[in-house]
Amino acid sequence: MSETLFEQIIDREVPADIVHETETTLAFRDINPRAPVHVLVIPKTRYRNVAELAAADPRLLADVLSTAATVAEQEGIAEAGYRVTFNTGDDGGQTVYHVHAHVLGGAPLGPEAAPR
């Protein structure tokens, strides 16, 4: 059995609604969407967070972002606008420790964070 939920999805041990796949990335719908379009983009190689990925493999990080842009086009949200976010660490809201980009759109999203 794979170590994380996302590795299980990559290995097809757990089903997911896959919307796009490349040699290095996988994009699938979030099971708890925060917007009309909410797709997760993951590298097929596991890194715990975006900082670790950026330090170890900048080209793979570029692939993740390129896949996010492709997903936005495919989902019809590129022209109106969309958000790509990475949650890093507990305080950043990360719940699965396999780096993943959230592609959100399909409606006005408002401010990124609530004022303090």
N, C-alpha and C. Protein backbone atom coordinates (compact mmCIF):
# COMPACT_ATOMS: atom_id res chain seq x y z
N MET A 1 0.84 -1.18 0.00
CA MET A 1 0.00 0.00 0.00
C MET A 1 0.89 1.25 0.00
N SER A 2 0.50 2.24 -0.75
CA SER A 2 1.26 3.48 -0.85
C SER A 2 1.16 4.28 0.44
N GLU A 3 2.12 5.20 0.62
CA GLU A 3 2.23 5.93 1.88
C GLU A 3 1.15 6.99 2.08
N THR A 4 0.85 7.78 1.05
CA THR A 4 -0.15 8.84 1.20
C THR A 4 -1.36 8.57 0.30
N LEU A 5 -2.44 9.25 0.59
CA LEU A 5 -3.64 9.14 -0.22
C LEU A 5 -3.32 9.47 -1.68
N PHE A 6 -2.52 10.50 -1.91
CA PHE A 6 -2.22 10.90 -3.28
C PHE A 6 -1.39 9.84 -4.00
N GLU A 7 -0.49 9.18 -3.29
CA GLU A 7 0.26 8.08 -3.91
C GLU A 7 -0.67 6.93 -4.25
N GLN A 8 -1.68 6.71 -3.42
CA GLN A 8 -2.67 5.67 -3.70
C GLN A 8 -3.49 6.03 -4.94
N ILE A 9 -3.77 7.33 -5.12
CA ILE A 9 -4.48 7.77 -6.33
C ILE A 9 -3.59 7.58 -7.55
N ILE A 10 -2.32 7.99 -7.46
CA ILE A 10 -1.37 7.81 -8.56
C ILE A 10 -1.28 6.33 -8.95
N ASP A 11 -1.23 5.45 -7.96
CA ASP A 11 -1.10 4.01 -8.19
C ASP A 11 -2.43 3.35 -8.53
N ARG A 12 -3.50 4.16 -8.58
CA ARG A 12 -4.87 3.70 -8.90
C ARG A 12 -5.39 2.70 -7.86
N GLU A 13 -4.89 2.83 -6.62
CA GLU A 13 -5.39 2.03 -5.51
C GLU A 13 -6.66 2.65 -4.94
N VAL A 14 -6.79 3.96 -5.11
CA VAL A 14 -7.97 4.71 -4.66
C VAL A 14 -8.51 5.44 -5.88
N PRO A 15 -9.82 5.38 -6.13
CA PRO A 15 -10.38 6.05 -7.30
C PRO A 15 -10.38 7.56 -7.14
N ALA A 16 -10.27 8.26 -8.27
CA ALA A 16 -10.36 9.72 -8.29
C ALA A 16 -10.92 10.13 -9.64
N ASP A 17 -11.54 11.31 -9.68
CA ASP A 17 -12.06 11.87 -10.92
C ASP A 17 -10.91 12.62 -11.60
N ILE A 18 -10.13 11.89 -12.37
CA ILE A 18 -8.94 12.45 -13.02
C ILE A 18 -9.37 13.28 -14.23
N VAL A 19 -8.87 14.52 -14.29
CA VAL A 19 -9.22 15.41 -15.39
C VAL A 19 -8.07 15.63 -16.36
N HIS A 20 -6.85 15.35 -15.93
CA HIS A 20 -5.69 15.53 -16.82
C HIS A 20 -4.51 14.76 -16.23
N GLU A 21 -3.69 14.22 -17.13
CA GLU A 21 -2.50 13.49 -16.68
C GLU A 21 -1.38 13.73 -17.68
N THR A 22 -0.18 13.92 -17.16
CA THR A 22 1.02 14.00 -17.98
C THR A 22 1.99 12.93 -17.48
N GLU A 23 3.15 12.90 -18.08
CA GLU A 23 4.16 11.95 -17.63
C GLU A 23 4.57 12.21 -16.17
N THR A 24 4.52 13.48 -15.74
CA THR A 24 5.03 13.84 -14.42
C THR A 24 3.97 14.32 -13.44
N THR A 25 2.73 14.58 -13.90
CA THR A 25 1.70 15.14 -13.03
C THR A 25 0.37 14.44 -13.19
N LEU A 26 -0.48 14.63 -12.20
CA LEU A 26 -1.85 14.10 -12.23
C LEU A 26 -2.77 15.18 -11.67
N ALA A 27 -3.90 15.41 -12.33
CA ALA A 27 -4.87 16.40 -11.87
C ALA A 27 -6.22 15.71 -11.69
N PHE A 28 -6.85 15.96 -10.54
CA PHE A 28 -8.13 15.32 -10.24
C PHE A 28 -8.98 16.25 -9.39
N ARG A 29 -10.30 16.05 -9.43
CA ARG A 29 -11.23 16.90 -8.69
C ARG A 29 -11.10 16.66 -7.19
N ASP A 30 -11.15 17.76 -6.45
CA ASP A 30 -11.12 17.68 -4.99
C ASP A 30 -12.45 17.08 -4.52
N ILE A 31 -12.40 16.19 -3.54
CA ILE A 31 -13.63 15.56 -3.05
C ILE A 31 -14.43 16.48 -2.13
N ASN A 32 -13.82 17.60 -1.71
CA ASN A 32 -14.50 18.58 -0.87
C ASN A 32 -14.29 19.96 -1.49
N PRO A 33 -14.94 20.22 -2.64
CA PRO A 33 -14.64 21.45 -3.39
C PRO A 33 -15.00 22.72 -2.64
N ARG A 34 -14.12 23.74 -2.80
CA ARG A 34 -14.31 25.06 -2.19
C ARG A 34 -14.75 26.09 -3.23
N ALA A 35 -14.92 25.66 -4.48
CA ALA A 35 -15.35 26.52 -5.57
C ALA A 35 -16.00 25.62 -6.62
N PRO A 36 -16.74 26.20 -7.57
CA PRO A 36 -17.35 25.36 -8.61
C PRO A 36 -16.33 24.49 -9.35
N VAL A 37 -15.13 25.02 -9.58
CA VAL A 37 -14.02 24.21 -10.10
C VAL A 37 -12.98 24.15 -9.00
N HIS A 38 -12.64 22.96 -8.58
CA HIS A 38 -11.60 22.75 -7.57
C HIS A 38 -10.87 21.46 -7.93
N VAL A 39 -9.73 21.64 -8.57
CA VAL A 39 -8.93 20.51 -9.04
C VAL A 39 -7.59 20.55 -8.33
N LEU A 40 -7.11 19.39 -7.92
CA LEU A 40 -5.78 19.27 -7.33
C LEU A 40 -4.81 18.79 -8.39
N VAL A 41 -3.64 19.40 -8.42
CA VAL A 41 -2.57 18.99 -9.34
C VAL A 41 -1.40 18.53 -8.48
N ILE A 42 -0.96 17.31 -8.72
CA ILE A 42 0.13 16.74 -7.94
C ILE A 42 1.25 16.24 -8.85
N PRO A 43 2.48 16.32 -8.37
CA PRO A 43 3.55 15.64 -9.09
C PRO A 43 3.46 14.14 -8.78
N LYS A 44 3.84 13.32 -9.72
CA LYS A 44 3.81 11.88 -9.49
C LYS A 44 4.94 11.42 -8.58
N THR A 45 5.94 12.27 -8.39
CA THR A 45 7.01 12.02 -7.43
C THR A 45 6.65 12.76 -6.16
N ARG A 46 6.78 12.10 -5.03
CA ARG A 46 6.36 12.72 -3.77
C ARG A 46 7.42 13.66 -3.21
N TYR A 47 6.96 14.87 -2.92
CA TYR A 47 7.69 15.84 -2.10
C TYR A 47 6.68 16.30 -1.06
N ARG A 48 7.14 16.54 0.16
CA ARG A 48 6.20 16.87 1.24
C ARG A 48 5.47 18.19 1.01
N ASN A 49 6.16 19.21 0.48
CA ASN A 49 5.51 20.52 0.32
C ASN A 49 6.17 21.27 -0.84
N VAL A 50 5.63 22.43 -1.16
CA VAL A 50 6.10 23.17 -2.33
C VAL A 50 7.53 23.67 -2.14
N ALA A 51 7.93 23.99 -0.93
CA ALA A 51 9.30 24.44 -0.69
C ALA A 51 10.29 23.31 -0.97
N GLU A 52 9.97 22.13 -0.51
CA GLU A 52 10.83 20.96 -0.76
C GLU A 52 10.91 20.67 -2.26
N LEU A 53 9.78 20.74 -2.95
CA LEU A 53 9.76 20.51 -4.39
C LEU A 53 10.59 21.56 -5.13
N ALA A 54 10.42 22.82 -4.79
CA ALA A 54 11.14 23.91 -5.45
C ALA A 54 12.65 23.75 -5.29
N ALA A 55 13.08 23.34 -4.10
CA ALA A 55 14.51 23.17 -3.84
C ALA A 55 15.07 21.96 -4.57
N ALA A 56 14.30 20.89 -4.65
CA ALA A 56 14.81 19.63 -5.20
C ALA A 56 14.65 19.52 -6.72
N ASP A 57 13.55 20.07 -7.25
CA ASP A 57 13.26 19.82 -8.67
C ASP A 57 12.44 20.96 -9.26
N PRO A 58 13.07 22.11 -9.53
CA PRO A 58 12.33 23.26 -10.09
C PRO A 58 11.61 22.93 -11.39
N ARG A 59 12.16 22.06 -12.19
CA ARG A 59 11.49 21.69 -13.46
C ARG A 59 10.17 20.98 -13.19
N LEU A 60 10.13 20.12 -12.18
CA LEU A 60 8.89 19.43 -11.83
C LEU A 60 7.87 20.43 -11.28
N LEU A 61 8.32 21.42 -10.50
CA LEU A 61 7.41 22.47 -10.03
C LEU A 61 6.82 23.21 -11.23
N ALA A 62 7.64 23.48 -12.24
CA ALA A 62 7.13 24.13 -13.46
C ALA A 62 6.10 23.24 -14.15
N ASP A 63 6.32 21.94 -14.14
CA ASP A 63 5.33 21.01 -14.72
C ASP A 63 4.01 21.08 -13.98
N VAL A 64 4.05 21.16 -12.65
CA VAL A 64 2.83 21.27 -11.85
C VAL A 64 2.07 22.54 -12.24
N LEU A 65 2.79 23.65 -12.36
CA LEU A 65 2.14 24.92 -12.71
C LEU A 65 1.63 24.90 -14.15
N SER A 66 2.35 24.28 -15.04
CA SER A 66 1.89 24.16 -16.42
C SER A 66 0.62 23.32 -16.49
N THR A 67 0.58 22.24 -15.73
CA THR A 67 -0.62 21.41 -15.68
C THR A 67 -1.79 22.20 -15.08
N ALA A 68 -1.52 23.02 -14.08
CA ALA A 68 -2.58 23.86 -13.51
C ALA A 68 -3.17 24.79 -14.57
N ALA A 69 -2.32 25.38 -15.39
CA ALA A 69 -2.80 26.27 -16.46
C ALA A 69 -3.61 25.49 -17.50
N THR A 70 -3.16 24.29 -17.82
CA THR A 70 -3.90 23.45 -18.77
C THR A 70 -5.27 23.09 -18.21
N VAL A 71 -5.32 22.74 -16.94
CA VAL A 71 -6.60 22.41 -16.29
C VAL A 71 -7.53 23.62 -16.33
N ALA A 72 -7.02 24.81 -16.05
CA ALA A 72 -7.85 26.02 -16.10
C ALA A 72 -8.44 26.21 -17.49
N GLU A 73 -7.65 25.99 -18.51
CA GLU A 73 -8.15 26.07 -19.90
C GLU A 73 -9.22 25.02 -20.14
N GLN A 74 -8.94 23.79 -19.78
CA GLN A 74 -9.89 22.69 -20.01
C GLN A 74 -11.21 22.90 -19.27
N GLU A 75 -11.13 23.47 -18.08
CA GLU A 75 -12.31 23.68 -17.25
C GLU A 75 -13.06 24.96 -17.61
N GLY A 76 -12.52 25.75 -18.54
CA GLY A 76 -13.19 26.96 -19.00
C GLY A 76 -13.11 28.14 -18.04
N ILE A 77 -12.09 28.17 -17.19
CA ILE A 77 -11.98 29.25 -16.21
C ILE A 77 -10.78 30.16 -16.45
N ALA A 78 -9.98 29.84 -17.46
CA ALA A 78 -8.75 30.60 -17.69
C ALA A 78 -9.02 32.06 -18.01
N GLU A 79 -9.99 32.33 -18.86
CA GLU A 79 -10.25 33.70 -19.28
C GLU A 79 -10.83 34.55 -18.15
N ALA A 80 -11.78 34.01 -17.39
CA ALA A 80 -12.41 34.77 -16.31
C ALA A 80 -11.49 34.93 -15.11
N GLY A 81 -10.59 33.98 -14.92
CA GLY A 81 -9.65 34.03 -13.81
C GLY A 81 -9.80 32.86 -12.87
N TYR A 82 -8.70 32.54 -12.23
CA TYR A 82 -8.68 31.41 -11.30
C TYR A 82 -7.54 31.62 -10.32
N ARG A 83 -7.51 30.79 -9.31
CA ARG A 83 -6.48 30.87 -8.28
C ARG A 83 -5.75 29.54 -8.22
N VAL A 84 -4.43 29.61 -8.02
CA VAL A 84 -3.62 28.42 -7.77
C VAL A 84 -2.96 28.63 -6.42
N THR A 85 -3.19 27.70 -5.49
CA THR A 85 -2.61 27.84 -4.16
C THR A 85 -1.93 26.53 -3.75
N PHE A 86 -0.91 26.69 -2.92
CA PHE A 86 -0.24 25.57 -2.27
C PHE A 86 -0.35 25.80 -0.77
N ASN A 87 -0.88 24.84 -0.04
CA ASN A 87 -0.90 24.91 1.42
C ASN A 87 0.35 24.20 1.92
N THR A 88 1.09 24.86 2.80
CA THR A 88 2.34 24.29 3.29
C THR A 88 2.35 24.27 4.82
N GLY A 89 2.45 23.08 5.38
CA GLY A 89 2.52 22.92 6.83
C GLY A 89 1.16 23.02 7.49
N ASP A 90 1.14 22.68 8.77
CA ASP A 90 -0.11 22.68 9.53
C ASP A 90 -0.78 24.05 9.56
N ASP A 91 -0.01 25.10 9.85
CA ASP A 91 -0.60 26.44 9.91
C ASP A 91 -1.06 26.92 8.55
N GLY A 92 -0.48 26.40 7.48
CA GLY A 92 -0.89 26.75 6.13
C GLY A 92 -2.07 25.95 5.63
N GLY A 93 -2.57 25.02 6.46
CA GLY A 93 -3.75 24.24 6.09
C GLY A 93 -3.45 22.97 5.32
N GLN A 94 -2.19 22.55 5.26
CA GLN A 94 -1.85 21.32 4.54
C GLN A 94 -2.34 20.12 5.33
N THR A 95 -3.06 19.23 4.67
CA THR A 95 -3.57 18.03 5.33
C THR A 95 -3.01 16.74 4.75
N VAL A 96 -2.55 16.79 3.50
CA VAL A 96 -1.89 15.64 2.88
C VAL A 96 -0.47 16.07 2.58
N TYR A 97 0.50 15.36 3.11
CA TYR A 97 1.90 15.75 2.97
C TYR A 97 2.53 15.15 1.72
N HIS A 98 1.90 15.49 0.61
CA HIS A 98 2.39 15.27 -0.75
C HIS A 98 2.00 16.56 -1.45
N VAL A 99 2.99 17.34 -1.88
CA VAL A 99 2.72 18.66 -2.42
C VAL A 99 1.60 18.61 -3.46
N HIS A 100 0.71 19.59 -3.40
CA HIS A 100 -0.38 19.67 -4.36
C HIS A 100 -0.82 21.12 -4.53
N ALA A 101 -1.15 21.45 -5.77
CA ALA A 101 -1.67 22.77 -6.10
C ALA A 101 -3.18 22.66 -6.20
N HIS A 102 -3.88 23.64 -5.62
CA HIS A 102 -5.32 23.74 -5.75
C HIS A 102 -5.60 24.72 -6.90
N VAL A 103 -6.37 24.29 -7.88
CA VAL A 103 -6.82 25.16 -8.95
C VAL A 103 -8.29 25.44 -8.67
N LEU A 104 -8.60 26.71 -8.37
CA LEU A 104 -9.95 27.10 -7.96
C LEU A 104 -10.49 28.15 -8.91
N GLY A 105 -11.77 28.04 -9.26
CA GLY A 105 -12.39 29.05 -10.10
C GLY A 105 -13.83 28.71 -10.39
N GLY A 106 -14.37 29.41 -11.37
CA GLY A 106 -15.76 29.18 -11.75
C GLY A 106 -16.73 30.13 -11.10
N ALA A 107 -16.24 31.01 -10.23
CA ALA A 107 -17.04 32.02 -9.54
C ALA A 107 -16.08 33.02 -8.92
N PRO A 108 -16.56 34.24 -8.62
CA PRO A 108 -15.68 35.19 -7.92
C PRO A 108 -15.22 34.58 -6.59
N LEU A 109 -13.92 34.63 -6.33
CA LEU A 109 -13.37 33.97 -5.15
C LEU A 109 -13.18 34.91 -3.97
N GLY A 110 -13.18 36.21 -4.18
CA GLY A 110 -13.00 37.14 -3.08
C GLY A 110 -11.57 37.15 -2.59
N PRO A 111 -11.34 37.80 -1.44
CA PRO A 111 -9.97 37.89 -0.93
C PRO A 111 -9.44 36.51 -0.55
N GLU A 112 -8.13 36.38 -0.67
CA GLU A 112 -7.50 35.08 -0.39
C GLU A 112 -7.59 34.70 1.08
N ALA A 113 -7.39 35.64 1.96
CA ALA A 113 -7.42 35.36 3.40
C ALA A 113 -8.31 36.38 4.09
N ALA A 114 -8.96 35.95 5.13
CA ALA A 114 -9.81 36.86 5.89
C ALA A 114 -8.96 37.85 6.66
N PRO A 115 -9.42 39.09 6.78
CA PRO A 115 -8.65 40.07 7.56
C PRO A 115 -8.58 39.65 9.01
N ARG A 116 -7.54 40.08 9.69
CA ARG A 116 -7.37 39.74 11.11
C ARG A 116 -7.95 40.82 11.96
